[in-house]
Structure formats: C-alpha cells, structure tokens
C-alpha cells in the first residue's frame, strides 16, 4: 500500500475501515473509529501523539462522553445519529484539555459499514 495516495480529503471509508493498523498509524492525520455505541475501536498513533492521550486509555471508552466531550454536540456527535451516510469536512475548534485549536474534521459514515470515523487534521 502506498500511503501517499491517502490524504485527509480523499481517503475513502471502505479503504480506511480495512486498512492495517500500521498503515492507519502512519497517516499524517488523526483517525478515530467507533460503532453506534460510540466506544472507541480505532485511535491511530497520529491522533495519540497530537492529543497527548495514550490509546490504551481511550480504547473501549465512549468517545463523545469521555474522550472528546467538546464534540458531543449537534455539529459532530448528533450528525452520526441523524445521518446514516456522511462524508463531510467541518471546520472546528477543539477545546478540551488544550488551548483552543483550529482543526478540520472529516465525518465518515455509510450504510453497510458498522464503524464510523472522525478524521482530524491539525
């Protein structure tokens, strides 16, 4: 796999969902994956480094309730409830556990793929 072909703007949900852990970890943007219960199943090395959170402490934890409460709102969390299919980039400001940080979030969900993703470009 040539990782250079996968950018924040163009990686497709099926590719992301089937990517090897090592390849996801090598991406230059954060990747968080969870199913409908919002328990974190994917937390790549880039996101761990940028957020300062150890993946072992976030895996299996409710993402919007305990990891990223600043995304538990109508702009992010509610969209996964309301929209069965999403591929949207949202300008956002992260505020939890850090100085306010401007980012771009890419929200990804599709029928037939249980895991939903948030990509975080800082």
N, C-alpha and C. Protein backbone atom coordinates (compact mmCIF):
# COMPACT_ATOMS: atom_id res chain seq x y z
N UNK A 1 0.84 -1.18 0.00
CA UNK A 1 0.00 0.00 0.00
C UNK A 1 0.89 1.24 0.00
N UNK A 2 0.56 2.18 -0.84
CA UNK A 2 1.29 3.43 -0.90
C UNK A 2 0.48 4.46 -0.13
N UNK A 3 0.95 4.81 1.07
CA UNK A 3 0.17 5.69 1.94
C UNK A 3 0.05 7.11 1.39
N UNK A 4 0.95 7.52 0.53
CA UNK A 4 0.87 8.87 -0.03
C UNK A 4 -0.43 9.09 -0.79
N UNK A 5 -1.05 8.00 -1.25
CA UNK A 5 -2.30 8.13 -2.00
C UNK A 5 -3.47 8.47 -1.09
N UNK A 6 -3.31 8.31 0.22
CA UNK A 6 -4.41 8.56 1.15
C UNK A 6 -4.21 9.88 1.85
N UNK A 7 -5.03 10.85 1.49
CA UNK A 7 -4.97 12.14 2.16
C UNK A 7 -6.24 12.34 2.98
N UNK A 8 -6.20 13.33 3.83
CA UNK A 8 -7.35 13.69 4.65
C UNK A 8 -8.59 13.87 3.77
N UNK A 9 -8.41 14.51 2.63
CA UNK A 9 -9.53 14.85 1.76
C UNK A 9 -10.03 13.70 0.90
N UNK A 10 -9.19 12.68 0.63
CA UNK A 10 -9.62 11.70 -0.36
C UNK A 10 -9.70 10.25 0.11
N UNK A 11 -9.22 9.92 1.31
CA UNK A 11 -9.30 8.52 1.73
C UNK A 11 -10.77 8.12 1.82
N UNK A 12 -11.10 6.99 1.22
CA UNK A 12 -12.49 6.52 1.21
C UNK A 12 -12.77 5.67 2.45
N UNK A 13 -13.99 5.72 2.90
CA UNK A 13 -14.39 4.98 4.10
C UNK A 13 -14.08 3.48 4.01
N UNK A 14 -14.40 2.79 2.92
CA UNK A 14 -14.07 1.35 2.87
C UNK A 14 -12.56 1.08 2.99
N UNK A 15 -11.74 1.93 2.36
CA UNK A 15 -10.29 1.77 2.46
C UNK A 15 -9.83 1.98 3.89
N UNK A 16 -10.34 3.02 4.52
CA UNK A 16 -9.97 3.34 5.89
C UNK A 16 -10.35 2.20 6.83
N UNK A 17 -11.53 1.65 6.62
CA UNK A 17 -12.05 0.62 7.51
C UNK A 17 -11.29 -0.70 7.40
N UNK A 18 -10.72 -0.96 6.24
CA UNK A 18 -10.00 -2.23 6.05
C UNK A 18 -8.48 -2.06 6.12
N UNK A 19 -8.01 -0.86 6.36
CA UNK A 19 -6.58 -0.57 6.41
C UNK A 19 -5.93 -1.28 7.60
N UNK A 20 -4.71 -1.74 7.41
CA UNK A 20 -3.96 -2.34 8.51
C UNK A 20 -3.68 -1.28 9.57
N UNK A 21 -3.59 -1.69 10.81
CA UNK A 21 -3.33 -0.78 11.93
C UNK A 21 -2.06 0.03 11.66
N UNK A 22 -1.01 -0.63 11.19
CA UNK A 22 0.27 0.05 10.94
C UNK A 22 0.11 1.14 9.89
N UNK A 23 -0.72 0.88 8.89
CA UNK A 23 -0.93 1.87 7.83
C UNK A 23 -1.76 3.05 8.34
N UNK A 24 -2.78 2.75 9.15
CA UNK A 24 -3.56 3.84 9.75
C UNK A 24 -2.68 4.69 10.65
N UNK A 25 -1.79 4.04 11.40
CA UNK A 25 -0.89 4.76 12.30
C UNK A 25 0.07 5.68 11.54
N UNK A 26 0.37 5.34 10.30
CA UNK A 26 1.32 6.13 9.51
C UNK A 26 0.67 7.32 8.81
N UNK A 27 -0.64 7.42 8.83
CA UNK A 27 -1.31 8.54 8.19
C UNK A 27 -0.95 9.85 8.90
N UNK A 28 -0.88 10.97 8.16
CA UNK A 28 -0.46 12.23 8.76
C UNK A 28 -1.59 13.00 9.47
N UNK A 29 -2.72 12.36 9.67
CA UNK A 29 -3.86 12.99 10.35
C UNK A 29 -4.43 12.00 11.35
N UNK A 30 -5.17 12.52 12.32
CA UNK A 30 -5.78 11.68 13.34
C UNK A 30 -6.93 10.87 12.78
N UNK A 31 -7.08 9.65 13.30
CA UNK A 31 -8.18 8.77 12.89
C UNK A 31 -8.78 8.16 14.15
N UNK A 32 -10.08 8.37 14.33
CA UNK A 32 -10.82 7.78 15.45
C UNK A 32 -11.99 7.02 14.84
N UNK A 33 -12.14 5.75 15.24
CA UNK A 33 -13.24 4.93 14.74
C UNK A 33 -14.06 4.35 15.87
N UNK A 34 -15.37 4.28 15.66
CA UNK A 34 -16.29 3.77 16.68
C UNK A 34 -17.54 3.27 15.99
N UNK A 35 -18.28 2.39 16.66
CA UNK A 35 -19.56 1.93 16.12
C UNK A 35 -20.69 2.74 16.74
N UNK A 36 -21.92 2.32 16.56
CA UNK A 36 -23.08 3.08 17.03
C UNK A 36 -23.05 3.36 18.53
N UNK A 37 -22.42 2.46 19.29
CA UNK A 37 -22.33 2.67 20.74
C UNK A 37 -21.29 3.72 21.12
N UNK A 38 -20.57 4.24 20.16
CA UNK A 38 -19.52 5.28 20.27
C UNK A 38 -18.28 4.84 21.04
N UNK A 39 -18.16 3.55 21.38
CA UNK A 39 -16.96 3.07 22.06
C UNK A 39 -15.80 3.07 21.07
N UNK A 40 -14.69 3.68 21.45
CA UNK A 40 -13.54 3.82 20.56
C UNK A 40 -12.97 2.45 20.21
N UNK A 41 -12.85 2.18 18.93
CA UNK A 41 -12.26 0.94 18.42
C UNK A 41 -10.97 1.21 17.66
N UNK A 42 -10.83 2.42 17.13
CA UNK A 42 -9.64 2.81 16.37
C UNK A 42 -9.18 4.16 16.91
N UNK A 43 -7.89 4.24 17.22
CA UNK A 43 -7.30 5.51 17.67
C UNK A 43 -5.86 5.47 17.18
N UNK A 44 -5.60 6.11 16.05
CA UNK A 44 -4.29 5.92 15.43
C UNK A 44 -3.18 6.67 16.16
N UNK A 45 -1.96 6.31 15.83
CA UNK A 45 -0.79 6.86 16.50
C UNK A 45 -0.68 8.37 16.31
N UNK A 46 -1.07 8.86 15.15
CA UNK A 46 -1.01 10.31 14.91
C UNK A 46 -1.93 11.05 15.86
N UNK A 47 -3.15 10.54 16.03
CA UNK A 47 -4.09 11.20 16.96
C UNK A 47 -3.60 11.09 18.39
N UNK A 48 -3.03 9.96 18.75
CA UNK A 48 -2.49 9.80 20.11
C UNK A 48 -1.39 10.84 20.37
N UNK A 49 -0.52 11.01 19.41
CA UNK A 49 0.58 11.97 19.55
C UNK A 49 0.06 13.40 19.63
N UNK A 50 -0.87 13.75 18.74
CA UNK A 50 -1.40 15.12 18.70
C UNK A 50 -2.26 15.46 19.92
N UNK A 51 -3.03 14.49 20.39
CA UNK A 51 -3.93 14.75 21.52
C UNK A 51 -3.23 14.58 22.86
N UNK A 52 -2.14 13.82 22.86
CA UNK A 52 -1.46 13.52 24.12
C UNK A 52 -2.14 12.42 24.92
N UNK A 53 -3.08 11.72 24.30
CA UNK A 53 -3.79 10.64 25.00
C UNK A 53 -3.23 9.29 24.58
N UNK A 54 -2.98 8.44 25.54
CA UNK A 54 -2.49 7.09 25.28
C UNK A 54 -3.65 6.27 24.73
N UNK A 55 -3.46 5.62 23.58
CA UNK A 55 -4.55 4.81 23.01
C UNK A 55 -5.12 3.79 24.00
N UNK A 56 -4.30 3.24 24.87
CA UNK A 56 -4.78 2.25 25.84
C UNK A 56 -5.83 2.84 26.78
N UNK A 57 -5.79 4.15 27.00
CA UNK A 57 -6.75 4.78 27.91
C UNK A 57 -8.05 5.17 27.22
N UNK A 58 -8.07 5.17 25.89
CA UNK A 58 -9.29 5.56 25.19
C UNK A 58 -10.01 4.41 24.48
N UNK A 59 -9.30 3.32 24.23
CA UNK A 59 -9.93 2.18 23.55
C UNK A 59 -11.05 1.61 24.43
N UNK A 60 -12.22 1.43 23.83
CA UNK A 60 -13.36 0.88 24.55
C UNK A 60 -14.11 1.89 25.40
N UNK A 61 -13.72 3.16 25.31
CA UNK A 61 -14.34 4.23 26.10
C UNK A 61 -15.30 5.01 25.18
N UNK A 62 -16.46 5.46 25.70
CA UNK A 62 -17.38 6.24 24.88
C UNK A 62 -16.71 7.54 24.39
N UNK A 63 -16.58 7.69 23.09
CA UNK A 63 -15.83 8.80 22.52
C UNK A 63 -16.42 10.16 22.90
N UNK A 64 -17.71 10.37 22.66
CA UNK A 64 -18.30 11.68 22.88
C UNK A 64 -18.56 11.99 24.35
N UNK A 65 -18.71 10.97 25.16
CA UNK A 65 -18.99 11.19 26.59
C UNK A 65 -17.74 11.30 27.44
N UNK A 66 -16.66 10.64 27.05
CA UNK A 66 -15.49 10.58 27.94
C UNK A 66 -14.17 10.99 27.29
N UNK A 67 -14.06 10.92 25.97
CA UNK A 67 -12.79 11.23 25.32
C UNK A 67 -12.82 12.63 24.71
N UNK A 68 -13.84 12.93 23.95
CA UNK A 68 -13.93 14.21 23.24
C UNK A 68 -15.28 14.87 23.51
N UNK A 69 -15.49 15.25 24.75
CA UNK A 69 -16.76 15.88 25.11
C UNK A 69 -17.01 17.16 24.30
N UNK A 70 -15.94 17.82 23.83
CA UNK A 70 -16.11 19.04 23.06
C UNK A 70 -16.74 18.78 21.69
N UNK A 71 -16.84 17.51 21.30
CA UNK A 71 -17.50 17.16 20.03
C UNK A 71 -18.90 16.60 20.26
N UNK A 72 -19.35 16.54 21.51
CA UNK A 72 -20.66 15.99 21.84
C UNK A 72 -21.71 17.08 21.65
N UNK A 73 -22.01 17.38 20.39
CA UNK A 73 -22.93 18.47 20.07
C UNK A 73 -23.59 18.20 18.71
N UNK A 74 -24.39 19.14 18.26
CA UNK A 74 -25.14 18.96 17.01
C UNK A 74 -24.23 18.98 15.78
N UNK A 75 -23.05 19.58 15.89
CA UNK A 75 -22.15 19.70 14.73
C UNK A 75 -21.41 18.40 14.44
N UNK A 76 -21.23 17.56 15.46
CA UNK A 76 -20.45 16.35 15.27
C UNK A 76 -21.24 15.12 15.72
N UNK A 77 -21.36 14.89 17.01
CA UNK A 77 -21.98 13.66 17.52
C UNK A 77 -23.40 13.46 16.98
N UNK A 78 -24.21 14.49 17.00
CA UNK A 78 -25.60 14.36 16.57
C UNK A 78 -25.72 13.97 15.11
N UNK A 79 -24.76 14.39 14.31
CA UNK A 79 -24.81 14.05 12.88
C UNK A 79 -24.71 12.55 12.67
N UNK A 80 -23.91 11.86 13.51
CA UNK A 80 -23.81 10.41 13.37
C UNK A 80 -25.12 9.73 13.75
N UNK A 81 -25.91 10.37 14.61
CA UNK A 81 -27.23 9.84 14.98
C UNK A 81 -28.25 10.10 13.87
N UNK A 82 -28.17 11.28 13.27
CA UNK A 82 -29.19 11.71 12.32
C UNK A 82 -28.95 11.29 10.88
N UNK A 83 -27.68 11.09 10.51
CA UNK A 83 -27.35 10.85 9.10
C UNK A 83 -26.68 9.48 8.93
N UNK A 84 -27.36 8.53 8.31
CA UNK A 84 -26.77 7.22 8.12
C UNK A 84 -25.57 7.25 7.16
N UNK A 85 -25.53 8.27 6.30
CA UNK A 85 -24.41 8.40 5.36
C UNK A 85 -23.86 9.82 5.45
N UNK A 86 -22.57 9.91 5.76
CA UNK A 86 -21.90 11.21 5.89
C UNK A 86 -20.52 11.10 5.26
N UNK A 87 -20.14 12.12 4.54
CA UNK A 87 -18.76 12.37 4.15
C UNK A 87 -18.66 13.88 4.04
N UNK A 88 -18.31 14.49 5.16
CA UNK A 88 -18.33 15.95 5.23
C UNK A 88 -17.12 16.46 6.00
N UNK A 89 -16.59 17.58 5.54
CA UNK A 89 -15.48 18.24 6.22
C UNK A 89 -16.03 19.46 6.94
N UNK A 90 -15.70 19.55 8.23
CA UNK A 90 -16.22 20.60 9.09
C UNK A 90 -15.07 21.35 9.73
N UNK A 91 -14.99 22.68 9.54
CA UNK A 91 -14.01 23.45 10.30
C UNK A 91 -14.44 23.44 11.77
N UNK A 92 -13.50 23.27 12.67
CA UNK A 92 -13.87 23.07 14.08
C UNK A 92 -12.77 23.62 14.98
N UNK A 93 -13.11 23.86 16.23
CA UNK A 93 -12.13 24.28 17.23
C UNK A 93 -12.20 23.29 18.39
N UNK A 94 -11.10 22.58 18.62
CA UNK A 94 -11.01 21.66 19.76
C UNK A 94 -10.70 22.49 21.00
N UNK A 95 -11.39 22.17 22.10
CA UNK A 95 -11.21 22.98 23.31
C UNK A 95 -10.92 22.16 24.56
N UNK A 96 -11.11 20.86 24.50
CA UNK A 96 -10.97 20.04 25.69
C UNK A 96 -9.50 19.71 25.96
N UNK A 97 -9.05 19.89 27.18
CA UNK A 97 -7.70 19.53 27.61
C UNK A 97 -6.59 20.26 26.86
N UNK A 98 -6.92 21.36 26.20
CA UNK A 98 -5.90 22.05 25.42
C UNK A 98 -6.32 23.49 25.18
N UNK A 99 -5.35 24.27 24.75
CA UNK A 99 -5.66 25.62 24.28
C UNK A 99 -6.54 25.43 23.03
N UNK A 100 -7.52 26.31 22.80
CA UNK A 100 -8.36 26.15 21.61
C UNK A 100 -7.50 25.97 20.35
N UNK A 101 -7.81 24.91 19.60
CA UNK A 101 -7.01 24.54 18.43
C UNK A 101 -7.91 24.40 17.22
N UNK A 102 -7.63 25.18 16.18
CA UNK A 102 -8.39 25.08 14.94
C UNK A 102 -7.99 23.80 14.20
N UNK A 103 -8.99 23.07 13.76
CA UNK A 103 -8.77 21.82 13.02
C UNK A 103 -9.81 21.72 11.91
N UNK A 104 -9.63 20.73 11.08
CA UNK A 104 -10.68 20.31 10.16
C UNK A 104 -11.04 18.90 10.58
N UNK A 105 -12.33 18.64 10.68
CA UNK A 105 -12.82 17.29 10.97
C UNK A 105 -13.46 16.76 9.70
N UNK A 106 -13.23 15.49 9.44
CA UNK A 106 -13.95 14.83 8.35
C UNK A 106 -14.77 13.73 8.99
N UNK A 107 -16.07 13.82 8.83
CA UNK A 107 -17.00 12.86 9.40
C UNK A 107 -17.36 11.85 8.33
N UNK A 108 -17.20 10.56 8.66
CA UNK A 108 -17.45 9.50 7.69
C UNK A 108 -18.34 8.42 8.28
N UNK A 109 -19.42 8.11 7.58
CA UNK A 109 -20.31 7.00 7.95
C UNK A 109 -21.02 6.56 6.69
N UNK A 110 -21.34 5.27 6.63
CA UNK A 110 -22.06 4.74 5.46
C UNK A 110 -22.85 3.50 5.86
N UNK A 111 -24.02 3.32 5.25
CA UNK A 111 -24.77 2.09 5.48
C UNK A 111 -23.90 0.90 5.06
N UNK A 112 -23.96 -0.17 5.80
CA UNK A 112 -23.19 -1.36 5.47
C UNK A 112 -21.79 -1.38 6.06
N UNK A 113 -21.35 -0.28 6.63
CA UNK A 113 -20.05 -0.23 7.32
C UNK A 113 -20.36 0.17 8.76
N UNK A 114 -20.16 -0.78 9.67
CA UNK A 114 -20.57 -0.55 11.06
C UNK A 114 -19.78 0.57 11.73
N UNK A 115 -18.51 0.67 11.39
CA UNK A 115 -17.67 1.65 12.07
C UNK A 115 -17.80 3.01 11.40
N UNK A 116 -17.86 4.04 12.23
CA UNK A 116 -17.91 5.42 11.79
C UNK A 116 -16.55 6.04 12.14
N UNK A 117 -16.18 7.07 11.41
CA UNK A 117 -14.85 7.66 11.62
C UNK A 117 -14.91 9.17 11.72
N UNK A 118 -14.02 9.69 12.52
CA UNK A 118 -13.71 11.12 12.53
C UNK A 118 -12.23 11.23 12.21
N UNK A 119 -11.91 11.97 11.16
CA UNK A 119 -10.54 12.28 10.82
C UNK A 119 -10.26 13.68 11.32
N UNK A 120 -9.06 13.90 11.86
CA UNK A 120 -8.73 15.19 12.46
C UNK A 120 -7.44 15.70 11.85
N UNK A 121 -7.55 16.82 11.14
CA UNK A 121 -6.39 17.44 10.53
C UNK A 121 -6.07 18.72 11.29
N UNK A 122 -4.86 18.74 11.86
CA UNK A 122 -4.43 19.92 12.63
C UNK A 122 -3.53 20.77 11.79
